[in-house]
C-alpha atoms as a PDB file:
ATOM      1  CA  MET A   1      -6.748 -12.774 110.244  1.00  0.00           C
ATOM      2  CA  ARG A   2      -6.377 -15.507 106.988  1.00  0.00           C
ATOM      3  CA  VAL A   3      -9.382 -15.145 105.155  1.00  0.00           C
ATOM      4  CA  PRO A   4      -9.930 -18.009 102.496  1.00  0.00           C
ATOM      5  CA  ASN A   5      -9.095 -16.261  99.354  1.00  0.00           C
ATOM      6  CA  ALA A   6      -9.806 -16.439  95.276  1.00  0.00           C
ATOM      7  CA  LEU A   7     -12.527 -16.124  92.736  1.00  0.00           C
ATOM      8  CA  LEU A   8     -14.891 -17.981  90.284  1.00  0.00           C
ATOM      9  CA  CYS A   9     -17.949 -18.559  87.558  1.00  0.00           C
ATOM     10  CA  LEU A  10     -17.895 -17.298  84.486  1.00  0.00           C
ATOM     11  CA  THR A  11     -21.143 -17.503  82.120  1.00  0.00           C
ATOM     12  CA  ALA A  12     -22.203 -20.378  79.897  1.00  0.00           C
ATOM     13  CA  CYS A  13     -21.867 -17.821  77.065  1.00  0.00           C
ATOM     14  CA  ALA A  14     -18.475 -17.484  77.981  1.00  0.00           C
ATOM     15  CA  LEU A  15     -17.511 -20.957  78.463  1.00  0.00           C
ATOM     16  CA  SER A  16     -18.666 -21.473  74.935  1.00  0.00           C
ATOM     17  CA  SER A  17     -15.893 -19.130  73.492  1.00  0.00           C
ATOM     18  CA  VAL A  18     -13.198 -21.453  73.951  1.00  0.00           C
ATOM     19  CA  ALA A  19     -11.813 -25.084  73.170  1.00  0.00           C
ATOM     20  CA  LEU A  20     -12.364 -26.594  76.843  1.00  0.00           C
ATOM     21  CA  ALA A  21      -9.811 -29.402  77.955  1.00  0.00           C
ATOM     22  CA  ASP A  22     -10.985 -31.325  81.001  1.00  0.00           C
ATOM     23  CA  THR A  23      -8.669 -31.607  83.644  1.00  0.00           C
ATOM     24  CA  PRO A  24      -9.264 -33.643  87.011  1.00  0.00           C
ATOM     25  CA  PHE A  25      -9.905 -29.772  89.058  1.00  0.00           C
ATOM     26  CA  ASP A  26     -12.605 -28.517  86.315  1.00  0.00           C
ATOM     27  CA  GLY A  27     -15.716 -28.456  87.972  1.00  0.00           C
ATOM     28  CA  THR A  28     -17.045 -26.472  91.325  1.00  0.00           C
ATOM     29  CA  TRP A  29     -16.071 -27.871  94.712  1.00  0.00           C
ATOM     30  CA  MET A  30     -17.163 -26.676  97.627  1.00  0.00           C
ATOM     31  CA  MET A  31     -14.997 -26.358 100.673  1.00  0.00           C
ATOM     32  CA  ASN A  32     -15.614 -29.111 103.563  1.00  0.00           C
ATOM     33  CA  THR A  33     -15.588 -27.039 106.982  1.00  0.00           C
ATOM     34  CA  SER A  34     -15.815 -29.995 108.852  1.00  0.00           C
ATOM     35  CA  LYS A  35     -12.907 -31.929 107.300  1.00  0.00           C
ATOM     36  CA  SER A  36     -10.608 -28.592 107.198  1.00  0.00           C
ATOM     37  CA  HIS A  37      -7.900 -27.126 109.308  1.00  0.00           C
ATOM     38  CA  LEU A  38      -8.170 -23.136 108.763  1.00  0.00           C
ATOM     39  CA  ALA A  39      -6.857 -22.256 112.609  1.00  0.00           C
ATOM     40  CA  GLY A  40      -3.036 -21.013 113.001  1.00  0.00           C
ATOM     41  CA  ASP A  41      -2.928 -17.819 111.342  1.00  0.00           C
ATOM     42  CA  THR A  42      -1.235 -14.956 113.813  1.00  0.00           C
ATOM     43  CA  MET A  43      -2.130 -11.174 114.791  1.00  0.00           C
ATOM     44  CA  THR A  44      -0.923  -9.051 117.003  1.00  0.00           C
ATOM     45  CA  PHE A  45      -2.201  -5.507 118.364  1.00  0.00           C
ATOM     46  CA  GLU A  46       0.643  -3.136 119.671  1.00  0.00           C
ATOM     47  CA  ASP A  47       0.208   0.257 121.324  1.00  0.00           C
ATOM     48  CA  ALA A  48       1.505   2.564 119.174  1.00  0.00           C
ATOM     49  CA  GLY A  49       1.401   5.801 121.395  1.00  0.00           C
ATOM     50  CA  GLY A  50      -1.097   9.028 121.104  1.00  0.00           C
ATOM     51  CA  GLY A  51      -4.007   6.516 121.591  1.00  0.00           C
ATOM     52  CA  SER A  52      -3.052   4.733 118.669  1.00  0.00           C
ATOM     53  CA  LEU A  53      -2.772   0.531 117.768  1.00  0.00           C
ATOM     54  CA  LYS A  54      -0.411  -0.902 115.209  1.00  0.00           C
ATOM     55  CA  PHE A  55      -1.497  -4.223 113.569  1.00  0.00           C
ATOM     56  CA  THR A  56       0.144  -7.062 112.006  1.00  0.00           C
ATOM     57  CA  ASP A  57      -0.836  -9.717 110.850  1.00  0.00           C
ATOM     58  CA  SER A  58       0.874 -12.093 107.922  1.00  0.00           C
ATOM     59  CA  ASP A  59      -0.346 -10.487 105.178  1.00  0.00           C
ATOM     60  CA  GLN A  60      -0.069  -6.498 106.220  1.00  0.00           C
ATOM     61  CA  SER A  61       0.681  -4.170 109.045  1.00  0.00           C
ATOM     62  CA  TYR A  62      -0.886  -0.862 109.485  1.00  0.00           C
ATOM     63  CA  THR A  63      -1.454   1.825 112.543  1.00  0.00           C
ATOM     64  CA  PHE A  64      -5.014   3.326 113.513  1.00  0.00           C
ATOM     65  CA  LYS A  65      -6.422   4.838 115.982  1.00  0.00           C
ATOM     66  CA  PRO A  66      -9.952   2.832 117.407  1.00  0.00           C
ATOM     67  CA  ASP A  67     -12.359   5.624 117.780  1.00  0.00           C
ATOM     68  CA  GLY A  68     -14.594   4.890 114.658  1.00  0.00           C
ATOM     69  CA  SER A  69     -12.441   7.058 112.634  1.00  0.00           C
ATOM     70  CA  SER A  70     -11.752   5.544 108.658  1.00  0.00           C
ATOM     71  CA  PHE A  71      -8.434   4.060 107.278  1.00  0.00           C
ATOM     72  CA  THR A  72      -7.500   2.677 104.834  1.00  0.00           C
ATOM     73  CA  THR A  73      -5.479  -0.711 104.790  1.00  0.00           C
ATOM     74  CA  PRO A  74      -2.515  -1.632 102.233  1.00  0.00           C
ATOM     75  CA  LEU A  75      -4.726  -3.889 101.097  1.00  0.00           C
ATOM     76  CA  GLY A  76      -7.303  -1.235  99.731  1.00  0.00           C
ATOM     77  CA  ALA A  77     -10.041  -1.782 102.268  1.00  0.00           C
ATOM     78  CA  ASP A  78     -11.532   1.117 104.108  1.00  0.00           C
ATOM     79  CA  ARG A  79     -11.902   0.319 107.632  1.00  0.00           C
ATOM     80  CA  THR A  80     -13.044   1.914 111.093  1.00  0.00           C
ATOM     81  CA  PHE A  81     -12.195   0.181 114.589  1.00  0.00           C
ATOM     82  CA  THR A  82     -14.136   1.363 117.223  1.00  0.00           C
ATOM     83  CA  LYS A  83     -13.622   0.711 121.578  1.00  0.00           C
ATOM     84  CA  GLY A  84     -16.569   0.394 123.370  1.00  0.00           C
ATOM     85  CA  ALA A  85     -16.876   1.459 126.945  1.00  0.00           C
ATOM     86  CA  ASP A  86     -16.819  -2.706 128.179  1.00  0.00           C
ATOM     87  CA  GLY A  87     -12.918  -2.877 126.209  1.00  0.00           C
ATOM     88  CA  ASN A  88     -14.292  -4.795 123.536  1.00  0.00           C
ATOM     89  CA  TYR A  89     -14.117  -3.603 119.727  1.00  0.00           C
ATOM     90  CA  THR A  90     -16.535  -3.197 116.611  1.00  0.00           C
ATOM     91  CA  ALA A  91     -14.664  -3.040 113.339  1.00  0.00           C
ATOM     92  CA  THR A  92     -16.374  -2.199 109.666  1.00  0.00           C
ATOM     93  CA  SER A  93     -14.276  -3.223 106.461  1.00  0.00           C
ATOM     94  CA  LYS A  94     -15.690  -1.303 103.174  1.00  0.00           C
ATOM     95  CA  ARG A  95     -14.181  -1.579  99.817  1.00  0.00           C
ATOM     96  CA  ASN A  96     -15.743   1.509  96.824  1.00  0.00           C
ATOM     97  CA  GLY A  97     -18.094   2.430  99.324  1.00  0.00           C
ATOM     98  CA  THR A  98     -19.954  -1.205  99.932  1.00  0.00           C
ATOM     99  CA  LEU A  99     -20.217  -2.613 103.459  1.00  0.00           C
ATOM    100  CA  LEU A 100     -18.131  -5.941 102.941  1.00  0.00           C
ATOM    101  CA  SER A 101     -18.630  -6.979 107.196  1.00  0.00           C
ATOM    102  CA  THR A 102     -18.793  -5.852 110.681  1.00  0.00           C
ATOM    103  CA  ALA A 103     -16.825  -7.518 113.246  1.00  0.00           C
ATOM    104  CA  THR A 104     -17.013  -7.594 116.714  1.00  0.00           C
ATOM    105  CA  TYR A 105     -13.859  -8.274 118.882  1.00  0.00           C
ATOM    106  CA  LYS A 106     -14.976  -9.757 122.685  1.00  0.00           C
ATOM    107  CA  ILE A 107     -12.107 -10.076 124.639  1.00  0.00           C
ATOM    108  CA  SER A 108     -12.267 -12.808 127.540  1.00  0.00           C
ATOM    109  CA  ALA A 109     -12.445 -11.513 131.955  1.00  0.00           C
ATOM    110  CA  ASP A 110      -8.691 -13.222 132.033  1.00  0.00           C
ATOM    111  CA  GLY A 111      -7.819 -11.277 128.892  1.00  0.00           C
ATOM    112  CA  ASN A 112      -5.944 -14.382 127.444  1.00  0.00           C
ATOM    113  CA  THR A 113      -8.904 -15.325 124.804  1.00  0.00           C
ATOM    114  CA  ILE A 114     -10.377 -13.253 121.764  1.00  0.00           C
ATOM    115  CA  HIS A 115     -13.522 -14.302 120.068  1.00  0.00           C
ATOM    116  CA  VAL A 116     -14.336 -12.537 117.061  1.00  0.00           C
ATOM    117  CA  GLU A 117     -17.701 -13.125 114.870  1.00  0.00           C
ATOM    118  CA  SER A 118     -17.327 -11.183 111.603  1.00  0.00           C
ATOM    119  CA  LYS A 119     -20.890 -11.069 109.873  1.00  0.00           C
ATOM    120  CA  GLY A 120     -22.084  -9.127 106.324  1.00  0.00           C
ATOM    121  CA  THR A 121     -23.301 -10.119 102.528  1.00  0.00           C
ATOM    122  CA  LYS A 122     -21.432 -11.249  99.919  1.00  0.00           C
ATOM    123  CA  PRO A 123     -22.313  -9.413  96.636  1.00  0.00           C
ATOM    124  CA  ASN A 124     -24.250 -12.473  95.513  1.00  0.00           C
ATOM    125  CA  GLY A 125     -26.813 -11.687  98.023  1.00  0.00           C
ATOM    126  CA  ASP A 126     -25.945 -14.525 100.355  1.00  0.00           C
ATOM    127  CA  THR A 127     -25.334 -13.973 104.470  1.00  0.00           C
ATOM    128  CA  PHE A 128     -22.434 -15.131 106.510  1.00  0.00           C
ATOM    129  CA  ASP A 129     -21.512 -15.396 110.094  1.00  0.00           C
ATOM    130  CA  ASN A 130     -18.150 -16.309 110.788  1.00  0.00           C
ATOM    131  CA  LYS A 131     -16.466 -16.998 114.193  1.00  0.00           C
ATOM    132  CA  TYR A 132     -13.193 -16.999 115.090  1.00  0.00           C
ATOM    133  CA  THR A 133     -11.130 -17.950 118.203  1.00  0.00           C
ATOM    134  CA  TYR A 134      -7.668 -16.117 119.167  1.00  0.00           C
ATOM    135  CA  VAL A 135      -5.810 -17.232 122.083  1.00  0.00           C
ATOM    136  CA  ARG A 136      -2.981 -14.849 123.558  1.00  0.00           C
ATOM    137  CA  THR A 137       0.780 -15.586 122.487  1.00  0.00           C
ATOM    138  CA  ALA A 138       2.037 -12.780 123.358  1.00  0.00           C
ATOM    139  CA  PRO A 139       1.956 -10.353 126.754  1.00  0.00           C
ATOM    140  CA  GLY A 140      -0.243  -7.295 126.425  1.00  0.00           C
ATOM    141  CA  THR A 141      -3.065  -5.292 128.395  1.00  0.00           C
ATOM    142  CA  GLY A 142      -6.287  -5.903 126.556  1.00  0.00           C
ATOM    143  CA  ILE A 143      -6.281  -6.355 123.056  1.00  0.00           C
ATOM    144  CA  VAL A 144      -2.631  -5.447 123.379  1.00  0.00           C
ATOM    145  CA  GLY A 145      -0.042  -8.390 122.408  1.00  0.00           C
ATOM    146  CA  GLY A 146       0.188 -11.741 120.271  1.00  0.00           C
ATOM    147  CA  TRP A 147      -2.592 -13.726 119.244  1.00  0.00           C
ATOM    148  CA  LYS A 148      -3.119 -16.831 117.366  1.00  0.00           C
ATOM    149  CA  SER A 149      -6.479 -18.674 116.159  1.00  0.00           C
ATOM    150  CA  THR A 150      -7.419 -22.250 117.552  1.00  0.00           C
ATOM    151  CA  LYS A 151     -10.859 -21.897 116.016  1.00  0.00           C
ATOM    152  CA  VAL A 152     -12.399 -20.974 112.653  1.00  0.00           C
ATOM    153  CA  GLU A 153     -16.021 -21.145 111.833  1.00  0.00           C
ATOM    154  CA  LEU A 154     -17.235 -20.345 108.308  1.00  0.00           C
ATOM    155  CA  SER A 155     -21.204 -20.304 108.092  1.00  0.00           C
ATOM    156  CA  SER A 156     -20.878 -20.456 104.252  1.00  0.00           C
ATOM    157  CA  PRO A 157     -17.809 -20.978 102.820  1.00  0.00           C
ATOM    158  CA  ASN A 158     -17.485 -20.407  99.263  1.00  0.00           C
ATOM    159  CA  ALA A 159     -17.758 -22.719  95.955  1.00  0.00           C
ATOM    160  CA  LEU A 160     -14.454 -22.612  93.907  1.00  0.00           C
ATOM    161  CA  THR A 161     -14.876 -23.462  90.318  1.00  0.00           C
ATOM    162  CA  PHE A 162     -11.970 -24.225  87.597  1.00  0.00           C
ATOM    163  CA  GLN A 163     -12.703 -24.454  84.210  1.00  0.00           C
ATOM    164  CA  THR A 164      -9.118 -24.987  81.741  1.00  0.00           C
ATOM    165  CA  ASP A 165      -9.126 -24.875  77.792  1.00  0.00           C
ATOM    166  CA  SER A 166      -6.985 -25.946  75.150  1.00  0.00           C
ATOM    167  CA  ALA A 167      -4.424 -23.510  75.210  1.00  0.00           C
ATOM    168  CA  ASN A 168      -2.964 -24.052  78.332  1.00  0.00           C
ATOM    169  CA  GLY A 169      -5.576 -21.110  80.238  1.00  0.00           C
ATOM    170  CA  VAL A 170      -7.345 -21.868  82.988  1.00  0.00           C
ATOM    171  CA  THR A 171     -10.288 -19.523  84.358  1.00  0.00           C
ATOM    172  CA  VAL A 172     -11.009 -19.588  88.160  1.00  0.00           C
ATOM    173  CA  SER A 173     -14.170 -17.625  89.874  1.00  0.00           C
ATOM    174  CA  LEU A 174     -15.652 -17.489  93.073  1.00  0.00           C
ATOM    175  CA  SER A 175     -19.363 -17.137  92.327  1.00  0.00           C
ATOM    176  CA  ALA A 176     -20.263 -15.975  95.729  1.00  0.00           C
ATOM    177  CA  ILE A 177     -18.115 -13.067  95.739  1.00  0.00           C
ATOM    178  CA  LYS A 178     -18.248 -12.528  91.951  1.00  0.00           C
ATOM    179  CA  ALA A 179     -14.677 -12.820  91.602  1.00  0.00           C
ATOM    180  CA  THR A 180     -12.594 -14.309  88.517  1.00  0.00           C
ATOM    181  CA  CYS A 181      -9.102 -14.739  87.444  1.00  0.00           C
ATOM    182  CA  GLN A 182      -8.401 -15.719  83.806  1.00  0.00           C
ATOM    183  CA  ALA A 183      -4.887 -17.049  83.551  1.00  0.00           C
ATOM    184  CA  LYS A 184      -2.202 -19.503  82.334  1.00  0.00           C
ATOM    185  CA  TRP A 185      -0.658 -22.953  83.700  1.00  0.00           C
ATOM    186  CA  ASP A 186       2.551 -21.264  83.399  1.00  0.00           C
ATOM    187  CA  GLY A 187       3.361 -19.901  87.029  1.00  0.00           C
ATOM    188  CA  LYS A 188       3.048 -15.994  85.709  1.00  0.00           C
ATOM    189  CA  ASP A 189       0.762 -13.764  88.036  1.00  0.00           C
ATOM    190  CA  TYR A 190      -2.721 -12.779  86.439  1.00  0.00           C
ATOM    191  CA  PRO A 191      -4.880 -10.133  88.200  1.00  0.00           C
ATOM    192  CA  ALA A 192      -8.045 -10.942  89.939  1.00  0.00           C
ATOM    193  CA  THR A 193     -11.417  -8.756  89.333  1.00  0.00           C
ATOM    194  CA  GLY A 194     -14.293  -8.925  91.487  1.00  0.00           C
ATOM    195  CA  PRO A 195     -15.921  -6.098  93.905  1.00  0.00           C
ATOM    196  CA  THR A 196     -14.504  -7.434  96.991  1.00  0.00           C
ATOM    197  CA  VAL A 197     -10.763  -8.354  95.537  1.00  0.00           C
ATOM    198  CA  GLY A 198      -8.220  -6.294  96.959  1.00  0.00           C
ATOM    199  CA  THR A 199      -6.040  -3.750  95.684  1.00  0.00           C
ATOM    200  CA  GLY A 200      -3.255  -5.056  93.254  1.00  0.00           C
ATOM    201  CA  ILE A 201      -4.411  -9.244  93.628  1.00  0.00           C
ATOM    202  CA  THR A 202      -2.977 -11.633  91.195  1.00  0.00           C
ATOM    203  CA  LEU A 203      -2.845 -15.119  90.714  1.00  0.00           C
ATOM    204  CA  ALA A 204      -0.220 -17.674  89.531  1.00  0.00           C
ATOM    205  CA  PHE A 205      -0.962 -21.304  88.455  1.00  0.00           C
ATOM    206  CA  THR A 206       1.399 -23.890  87.964  1.00  0.00           C
ATOM    207  CA  LYS A 207       0.655 -27.594  87.474  1.00  0.00           C
ATOM    208  CA  GLU A 208       2.025 -30.638  89.428  1.00  0.00           C
ATOM    209  CA  GLY A 209       1.978 -33.518  87.666  1.00  0.00           C
ATOM    210  CA  ALA A 210      -1.105 -34.525  86.565  1.00  0.00           C
ATOM    211  CA  ASN A 211      -3.505 -34.174  89.511  1.00  0.00           C
ATOM    212  CA  GLY A 212      -2.013 -31.411  91.183  1.00  0.00           C
ATOM    213  CA  PHE A 213      -0.961 -27.799  90.740  1.00  0.00           C
ATOM    214  CA  LYS A 214       0.444 -24.579  93.155  1.00  0.00           C
ATOM    215  CA  PHE A 215      -1.338 -21.483  93.457  1.00  0.00           C
ATOM    216  CA  VAL A 216       0.122 -18.164  94.302  1.00  0.00           C
ATOM    217  CA  GLU A 217      -2.057 -15.001  95.805  1.00  0.00           C
ATOM    218  CA  LYS A 218      -0.215 -11.807  95.909  1.00  0.00           C
ATOM    219  CA  SER A 219      -1.042  -8.388  96.351  1.00  0.00           C
ATOM    220  CA  LYS A 220       1.321  -5.646  94.714  1.00  0.00           C
ATOM    221  CA  ASP A 221       3.938  -8.753  94.104  1.00  0.00           C
ATOM    222  CA  LYS A 222       4.007  -9.273  97.959  1.00  0.00           C
ATOM    223  CA  VAL A 223       3.102 -13.021  98.525  1.00  0.00           C
ATOM    224  CA  LEU A 224       0.015 -13.580 100.362  1.00  0.00           C
ATOM    225  CA  VAL A 225      -0.802 -17.183 100.535  1.00  0.00           C
ATOM    226  CA  ILE A 226       1.150 -20.364  98.740  1.00  0.00           C
ATOM    227  CA  VAL A 227      -1.229 -23.519  98.281  1.00  0.00           C
ATOM    228  CA  HIS A 228      -0.908 -26.840  96.726  1.00  0.00           C
ATOM    229  CA  PHE A 229      -3.900 -28.743  95.899  1.00  0.00           C
ATOM    230  CA  ARG A 230      -4.040 -32.207  94.668  1.00  0.00           C
ATOM    231  CA  ALA A 231      -7.303 -33.951  93.446  1.00  0.00           C
ATOM    232  CA  ALA A 232      -8.081 -37.500  94.605  1.00  0.00           C
ATOM    233  CA  ALA A 233      -7.765 -40.215  92.059  1.00  0.00           C
ATOM    234  CA  ASP A 234     -11.495 -40.655  92.160  1.00  0.00           C
ATOM    235  CA  GLY A 235     -12.414 -36.830  91.235  1.00  0.00           C
ATOM    236  CA  LYS A 236     -14.522 -36.743  94.320  1.00  0.00           C
ATOM    237  CA  THR A 237     -12.487 -34.848  96.546  1.00  0.00           C
ATOM    238  CA  MET A 238      -9.382 -32.151  96.158  1.00  0.00           C
ATOM    239  CA  ASN A 239      -6.986 -30.972  99.055  1.00  0.00           C
ATOM    240  CA  ALA A 240      -5.463 -27.777  99.710  1.00  0.00           C
ATOM    241  CA  LYS A 241      -2.166 -27.583 101.622  1.00  0.00           C
ATOM    242  CA  GLY A 242      -1.112 -24.142 102.015  1.00  0.00           C
ATOM    243  CA  THR A 243       0.953 -21.779 104.264  1.00  0.00           C
ATOM    244  CA  ASP A 244       1.137 -17.591 104.446  1.00  0.00           C
ATOM    245  CA  GLY A 245       3.683 -16.153 101.902  1.00  0.00           C
ATOM    246  CA  GLU A 246       6.843 -16.967 103.786  1.00  0.00           C
ATOM    247  CA  GLY A 247       5.944 -20.411 104.544  1.00  0.00           C
ATOM    248  CA  LYS A 248       4.466 -20.363 108.001  1.00  0.00           C
ATOM    249  CA  GLU A 249       1.059 -20.417 109.845  1.00  0.00           C
ATOM    250  CA  PRO A 250       0.058 -23.909 107.786  1.00  0.00           C
ATOM    251  CA  PHE A 251      -3.579 -25.055 106.822  1.00  0.00           C
ATOM    252  CA  THR A 252      -5.571 -27.362 105.245  1.00  0.00           C
ATOM    253  CA  GLU A 253      -8.709 -27.247 102.962  1.00  0.00           C
ATOM    254  CA  VAL A 254     -10.509 -30.514 102.032  1.00  0.00           C
ATOM    255  CA  TYR A 255     -13.432 -29.377  99.008  1.00  0.00           C
ATOM    256  CA  ASP A 256     -16.087 -31.842  97.810  1.00  0.00           C
ATOM    257  CA  LYS A 257     -16.771 -31.749  93.962  1.00  0.00           C
ATOM    258  CA  GLN A 258     -20.198 -30.424  93.133  1.00  0.00           C
ATOM    259  CA  SER A 259     -20.242 -30.813  89.253  1.00  0.00           C
END
C-alpha cells in the first residue's frame, strides 16, 4: 500500500545557523487531496500454505500467519495481522514499541472489493483516519488474490517543508511525524531520521531546471519511490508526479504553499 512518505521541520535555531538561499521550493507545502490522484497502487495476498499468507506490493514482500502473532517487515515495522470470525482482518503496525496504526480490512460480500481503514496518532499528537478502496484484479478467495486501489481518502495529509542554503544543501522535513533529512542537490543518498521512519530510508534530490527537482526514496538501496516536483510560476502551488521504484503505479500530488 502506497503511503505518501517523507520528512520535515527544523527549528528556527537550526535554520539560523546556515546562510539561507531561497528557491521556488522553499517553505511549507500542504497536499491538496481534492486535486491529487493517489490511487492506483497494487498489492497481492497469496496462500503460502500452513495457514500462512504472502503479502507483496511494490515496496516489499513477506510471509506471515494471520493469527495475531507479531512479525517484522523488510522495512522494519513490527506488525500483527489477525483474521476475524467474519472473514475480515485487523492489522497493527508498530515501530520501536510505539503503535503507528491499526487497520481493518473489510471484504465485500461478493469478494471483489476490500475497504481498508487505517487509524492512529502521529508523533506530534495529530490523529488520522485514512480510507482506501481496493478492487480485485486477480482471482482468489477472501483476501487472497490481486488488488488495485481505486480510491484514497487521507484525513490529515502531512505538510512538507523545504529549506535550502547557499552551500547547495536542502533540509526536508515532515513536522507531523517529526522526520527530517539533511541533503544536498547532488543526487546522492542521504539518511532520513525520525521515530516512524523506516529502516535504512534514504532520500536523494536533483534539480531539474529552475523550478523542478527529482526526488528518490530508497530503503537499503532498493528504490521505493521516484517523484518529479515542479513549482508553479506564481509560487503558490507545486505539482509532484511519481511512480514506484520500478516506474509503475503512477500518482500525482498537488501542494499548496502555506508559508
